[in-house]
Amino acid sequence: MNGTITTWFKEKGFGFIKDENGDNRYFHVIKVANPELIDKNASVTFEPGTNSKGLSAYAVKVLPESNYIYIAGERLKLTAIKSWLVYSEEVPVDARIDKENAVLSVGLLMNNIRPKSSTEPGKMRSLKKLAITTFQGTTLIFSEDEIDVDATVKMLKV
């Protein structure tokens, strides 16, 4: 059965789960498979039971939150993101990677991706970037050449 922890008394080692039928069920920490994840509003699965005082839950398993976002190979927990900012920066046109003409062989990949030679030297273009700052103080910067900035921002707003 599925439910949500509505009350948790950490010092006493017990709490209550609201099950999928809306009933409140008592549970004790010794009946929880992963007690380190117990938290109010956490989703759980459990086996329904009864005890001398009423409805209870045993074989409780707290479902870990999957609040992660993957950006250009970086795994970020959404709750670890302090702030984010979208901005534009002027960069040389010839700094863009020629993705269409890249040779996709593992051994030669790094040596064969070159800027397009048909661009005029000194020309500039506007490049959209996304800067994400975490609560740990790390700032990650991604450009529209690497990611879809608008789609990533939509995921951050959820």
C-alpha atoms as a PDB file:
ATOM      1  CA  MET A   1       0.000   0.000   0.000  1.00  0.00           C
ATOM      2  CA  ASN A   2       1.138   3.599  -0.574  1.00  0.00           C
ATOM      3  CA  GLY A   3       0.974   6.558   1.777  1.00  0.00           C
ATOM      4  CA  THR A   4       2.550   9.743   3.066  1.00  0.00           C
ATOM      5  CA  ILE A   5       4.136  10.399   6.453  1.00  0.00           C
ATOM      6  CA  THR A   6       1.966  13.048   8.110  1.00  0.00           C
ATOM      7  CA  THR A   7       3.555  13.096  11.563  1.00  0.00           C
ATOM      8  CA  TRP A   8       7.015  12.047  12.745  1.00  0.00           C
ATOM      9  CA  PHE A   9       8.256  12.141  16.353  1.00  0.00           C
ATOM     10  CA  LYS A  10      11.975  11.495  15.870  1.00  0.00           C
ATOM     11  CA  GLU A  11      12.790  11.525  19.603  1.00  0.00           C
ATOM     12  CA  LYS A  12      10.113   8.928  20.299  1.00  0.00           C
ATOM     13  CA  GLY A  13      10.729   6.858  17.154  1.00  0.00           C
ATOM     14  CA  PHE A  14       7.179   6.725  15.832  1.00  0.00           C
ATOM     15  CA  GLY A  15       4.813   8.563  13.560  1.00  0.00           C
ATOM     16  CA  PHE A  16       1.704   8.331  11.423  1.00  0.00           C
ATOM     17  CA  ILE A  17       1.121   7.580   7.768  1.00  0.00           C
ATOM     18  CA  LYS A  18      -1.943   8.654   5.798  1.00  0.00           C
ATOM     19  CA  ASP A  19      -2.670   5.727   3.496  1.00  0.00           C
ATOM     20  CA  GLU A  20      -4.177   5.834   0.006  1.00  0.00           C
ATOM     21  CA  ASN A  21      -7.675   5.419   1.526  1.00  0.00           C
ATOM     22  CA  GLY A  22      -7.216   8.478   3.748  1.00  0.00           C
ATOM     23  CA  ASP A  23      -6.802   6.449   6.969  1.00  0.00           C
ATOM     24  CA  ASN A  24      -4.091   7.281   9.504  1.00  0.00           C
ATOM     25  CA  ARG A  25      -1.771   4.414  10.436  1.00  0.00           C
ATOM     26  CA  TYR A  26       0.733   4.225  13.268  1.00  0.00           C
ATOM     27  CA  PHE A  27       4.307   3.138  12.448  1.00  0.00           C
ATOM     28  CA  HIS A  28       7.466   2.650  14.493  1.00  0.00           C
ATOM     29  CA  VAL A  29      11.029   3.283  13.310  1.00  0.00           C
ATOM     30  CA  ILE A  30      11.976  -0.399  13.801  1.00  0.00           C
ATOM     31  CA  LYS A  31       9.440  -1.275  11.086  1.00  0.00           C
ATOM     32  CA  VAL A  32      11.121   1.023   8.542  1.00  0.00           C
ATOM     33  CA  ALA A  33      13.620  -0.420   6.052  1.00  0.00           C
ATOM     34  CA  ASN A  34      15.460   2.888   5.498  1.00  0.00           C
ATOM     35  CA  PRO A  35      14.920   5.006   8.648  1.00  0.00           C
ATOM     36  CA  GLU A  36      17.473   7.641   7.586  1.00  0.00           C
ATOM     37  CA  LEU A  37      14.959   8.889   4.969  1.00  0.00           C
ATOM     38  CA  ILE A  38      12.022   9.338   7.367  1.00  0.00           C
ATOM     39  CA  ASP A  39      10.655  12.859   7.078  1.00  0.00           C
ATOM     40  CA  LYS A  40       7.281  14.577   7.205  1.00  0.00           C
ATOM     41  CA  ASN A  41       5.517  14.495   3.795  1.00  0.00           C
ATOM     42  CA  ALA A  42       7.775  11.694   2.514  1.00  0.00           C
ATOM     43  CA  SER A  43       6.092   9.095   0.301  1.00  0.00           C
ATOM     44  CA  VAL A  44       6.162   5.505   1.562  1.00  0.00           C
ATOM     45  CA  THR A  45       5.109   1.998   0.682  1.00  0.00           C
ATOM     46  CA  PHE A  46       4.063  -0.387   3.461  1.00  0.00           C
ATOM     47  CA  GLU A  47       2.095  -3.432   4.474  1.00  0.00           C
ATOM     48  CA  PRO A  48      -1.155  -2.563   6.267  1.00  0.00           C
ATOM     49  CA  GLY A  49      -1.827  -4.083   9.672  1.00  0.00           C
ATOM     50  CA  THR A  50      -3.602  -3.543  12.957  1.00  0.00           C
ATOM     51  CA  ASN A  51      -2.472  -3.501  16.549  1.00  0.00           C
ATOM     52  CA  SER A  52      -4.255  -3.175  19.888  1.00  0.00           C
ATOM     53  CA  LYS A  53      -4.731   0.568  19.330  1.00  0.00           C
ATOM     54  CA  GLY A  54      -5.906   0.479  15.710  1.00  0.00           C
ATOM     55  CA  LEU A  55      -4.489   0.679  12.198  1.00  0.00           C
ATOM     56  CA  SER A  56      -0.737   0.272  11.781  1.00  0.00           C
ATOM     57  CA  ALA A  57       1.923  -0.084   9.102  1.00  0.00           C
ATOM     58  CA  TYR A  58       4.875  -2.464   8.904  1.00  0.00           C
ATOM     59  CA  ALA A  59       7.547  -3.216   6.285  1.00  0.00           C
ATOM     60  CA  VAL A  60       7.599   0.542   5.664  1.00  0.00           C
ATOM     61  CA  LYS A  61       9.906   1.792   2.936  1.00  0.00           C
ATOM     62  CA  VAL A  62      10.471   5.509   2.447  1.00  0.00           C
ATOM     63  CA  LEU A  63      10.659   6.356  -1.251  1.00  0.00           C
ATOM     64  CA  PRO A  64      13.748   8.441  -1.977  1.00  0.00           C
ATOM     65  CA  GLU A  65      13.052  11.743  -3.670  1.00  0.00           C
ATOM     66  CA  SER A  66      14.200  11.874  -7.248  1.00  0.00           C
ATOM     67  CA  ASN A  67      14.442  15.617  -7.420  1.00  0.00           C
ATOM     68  CA  TYR A  68      17.500  15.633  -9.634  1.00  0.00           C
ATOM     69  CA  ILE A  69      18.097  17.408 -12.889  1.00  0.00           C
ATOM     70  CA  TYR A  70      20.742  16.414 -15.425  1.00  0.00           C
ATOM     71  CA  ILE A  71      22.362  19.240 -17.363  1.00  0.00           C
ATOM     72  CA  ALA A  72      25.144  18.482 -19.868  1.00  0.00           C
ATOM     73  CA  GLY A  73      26.255  15.471 -17.844  1.00  0.00           C
ATOM     74  CA  GLU A  74      26.049  17.264 -14.483  1.00  0.00           C
ATOM     75  CA  ARG A  75      23.659  15.801 -11.876  1.00  0.00           C
ATOM     76  CA  LEU A  76      22.147  18.501  -9.661  1.00  0.00           C
ATOM     77  CA  LYS A  77      19.673  18.047  -6.840  1.00  0.00           C
ATOM     78  CA  LEU A  78      16.909  20.617  -7.302  1.00  0.00           C
ATOM     79  CA  THR A  79      16.828  21.412  -3.573  1.00  0.00           C
ATOM     80  CA  ALA A  80      20.588  22.194  -3.701  1.00  0.00           C
ATOM     81  CA  ILE A  81      20.085  24.995  -6.250  1.00  0.00           C
ATOM     82  CA  LYS A  82      20.211  28.380  -4.541  1.00  0.00           C
ATOM     83  CA  SER A  83      19.628  30.529  -7.628  1.00  0.00           C
ATOM     84  CA  TRP A  84      19.884  30.610 -11.398  1.00  0.00           C
ATOM     85  CA  LEU A  85      20.221  33.332 -13.993  1.00  0.00           C
ATOM     86  CA  VAL A  86      19.886  33.481 -17.772  1.00  0.00           C
ATOM     87  CA  TYR A  87      22.042  36.074 -19.503  1.00  0.00           C
ATOM     88  CA  SER A  88      23.637  36.830 -22.864  1.00  0.00           C
ATOM     89  CA  GLU A  89      27.302  37.298 -23.603  1.00  0.00           C
ATOM     90  CA  GLU A  90      29.035  38.531 -26.726  1.00  0.00           C
ATOM     91  CA  VAL A  91      31.497  35.921 -28.021  1.00  0.00           C
ATOM     92  CA  PRO A  92      33.518  35.605 -31.235  1.00  0.00           C
ATOM     93  CA  VAL A  93      31.532  33.946 -34.037  1.00  0.00           C
ATOM     94  CA  ASP A  94      34.439  31.648 -34.863  1.00  0.00           C
ATOM     95  CA  ALA A  95      34.375  30.140 -31.333  1.00  0.00           C
ATOM     96  CA  ARG A  96      31.389  27.946 -32.235  1.00  0.00           C
ATOM     97  CA  ILE A  97      32.005  24.246 -32.764  1.00  0.00           C
ATOM     98  CA  ASP A  98      31.188  22.938 -36.231  1.00  0.00           C
ATOM     99  CA  LYS A  99      28.950  20.082 -35.087  1.00  0.00           C
ATOM    100  CA  GLU A 100      27.764  19.234 -38.609  1.00  0.00           C
ATOM    101  CA  ASN A 101      31.242  18.507 -39.966  1.00  0.00           C
ATOM    102  CA  ALA A 102      32.739  16.803 -36.909  1.00  0.00           C
ATOM    103  CA  VAL A 103      34.311  13.388 -37.446  1.00  0.00           C
ATOM    104  CA  LEU A 104      32.705  11.149 -34.850  1.00  0.00           C
ATOM    105  CA  SER A 105      35.500   8.661 -34.306  1.00  0.00           C
ATOM    106  CA  VAL A 106      36.484   8.238 -30.670  1.00  0.00           C
ATOM    107  CA  GLY A 107      40.228   8.466 -31.241  1.00  0.00           C
ATOM    108  CA  LEU A 108      40.105  11.482 -33.544  1.00  0.00           C
ATOM    109  CA  LEU A 109      37.120  13.380 -32.165  1.00  0.00           C
ATOM    110  CA  MET A 110      39.087  15.981 -30.214  1.00  0.00           C
ATOM    111  CA  ASN A 111      41.466  16.654 -33.105  1.00  0.00           C
ATOM    112  CA  ASN A 112      38.758  17.000 -35.754  1.00  0.00           C
ATOM    113  CA  ILE A 113      36.244  19.401 -34.221  1.00  0.00           C
ATOM    114  CA  ARG A 114      37.267  22.824 -35.437  1.00  0.00           C
ATOM    115  CA  PRO A 115      35.576  26.207 -35.640  1.00  0.00           C
ATOM    116  CA  LYS A 116      33.933  26.957 -38.980  1.00  0.00           C
ATOM    117  CA  SER A 117      36.539  28.551 -41.214  1.00  0.00           C
ATOM    118  CA  SER A 118      33.968  30.406 -43.345  1.00  0.00           C
ATOM    119  CA  THR A 119      33.296  33.007 -40.641  1.00  0.00           C
ATOM    120  CA  GLU A 120      34.933  36.387 -40.698  1.00  0.00           C
ATOM    121  CA  PRO A 121      37.560  36.969 -37.999  1.00  0.00           C
ATOM    122  CA  GLY A 122      36.532  39.513 -35.367  1.00  0.00           C
ATOM    123  CA  LYS A 123      32.759  39.055 -35.825  1.00  0.00           C
ATOM    124  CA  MET A 124      30.780  38.702 -32.587  1.00  0.00           C
ATOM    125  CA  ARG A 125      27.541  36.918 -31.733  1.00  0.00           C
ATOM    126  CA  SER A 126      25.236  36.913 -28.733  1.00  0.00           C
ATOM    127  CA  LEU A 127      25.354  33.644 -26.772  1.00  0.00           C
ATOM    128  CA  LYS A 128      22.639  32.799 -24.249  1.00  0.00           C
ATOM    129  CA  LYS A 129      23.986  31.295 -21.007  1.00  0.00           C
ATOM    130  CA  LEU A 130      22.544  29.783 -17.849  1.00  0.00           C
ATOM    131  CA  ALA A 131      24.382  30.204 -14.526  1.00  0.00           C
ATOM    132  CA  ILE A 132      23.310  27.968 -11.625  1.00  0.00           C
ATOM    133  CA  THR A 133      24.558  28.591  -8.084  1.00  0.00           C
ATOM    134  CA  THR A 134      24.217  25.883  -5.430  1.00  0.00           C
ATOM    135  CA  PHE A 135      23.925  26.278  -1.670  1.00  0.00           C
ATOM    136  CA  GLN A 136      27.439  24.798  -1.489  1.00  0.00           C
ATOM    137  CA  GLY A 137      28.729  27.891  -3.319  1.00  0.00           C
ATOM    138  CA  THR A 138      29.427  26.235  -6.667  1.00  0.00           C
ATOM    139  CA  THR A 139      28.450  28.125  -9.831  1.00  0.00           C
ATOM    140  CA  LEU A 140      27.963  26.139 -13.031  1.00  0.00           C
ATOM    141  CA  ILE A 141      27.654  27.926 -16.372  1.00  0.00           C
ATOM    142  CA  PHE A 142      26.090  26.341 -19.464  1.00  0.00           C
ATOM    143  CA  SER A 143      25.756  27.910 -22.911  1.00  0.00           C
ATOM    144  CA  GLU A 144      23.125  27.413 -25.595  1.00  0.00           C
ATOM    145  CA  ASP A 145      25.819  25.628 -27.603  1.00  0.00           C
ATOM    146  CA  GLU A 146      25.746  22.857 -24.945  1.00  0.00           C
ATOM    147  CA  ILE A 147      22.115  22.764 -23.781  1.00  0.00           C
ATOM    148  CA  ASP A 148      18.629  24.000 -24.611  1.00  0.00           C
ATOM    149  CA  VAL A 149      18.591  26.900 -22.136  1.00  0.00           C
ATOM    150  CA  ASP A 150      14.822  27.518 -22.358  1.00  0.00           C
ATOM    151  CA  ALA A 151      13.916  23.847 -21.783  1.00  0.00           C
ATOM    152  CA  THR A 152      16.312  23.674 -18.833  1.00  0.00           C
ATOM    153  CA  VAL A 153      14.791  26.796 -17.262  1.00  0.00           C
ATOM    154  CA  LYS A 154      11.334  25.175 -17.517  1.00  0.00           C
ATOM    155  CA  MET A 155      12.653  22.168 -15.548  1.00  0.00           C
ATOM    156  CA  LEU A 156      14.133  24.494 -12.914  1.00  0.00           C
ATOM    157  CA  LYS A 157      10.795  26.269 -12.441  1.00  0.00           C
ATOM    158  CA  VAL A 158       8.934  23.038 -11.593  1.00  0.00           C
END
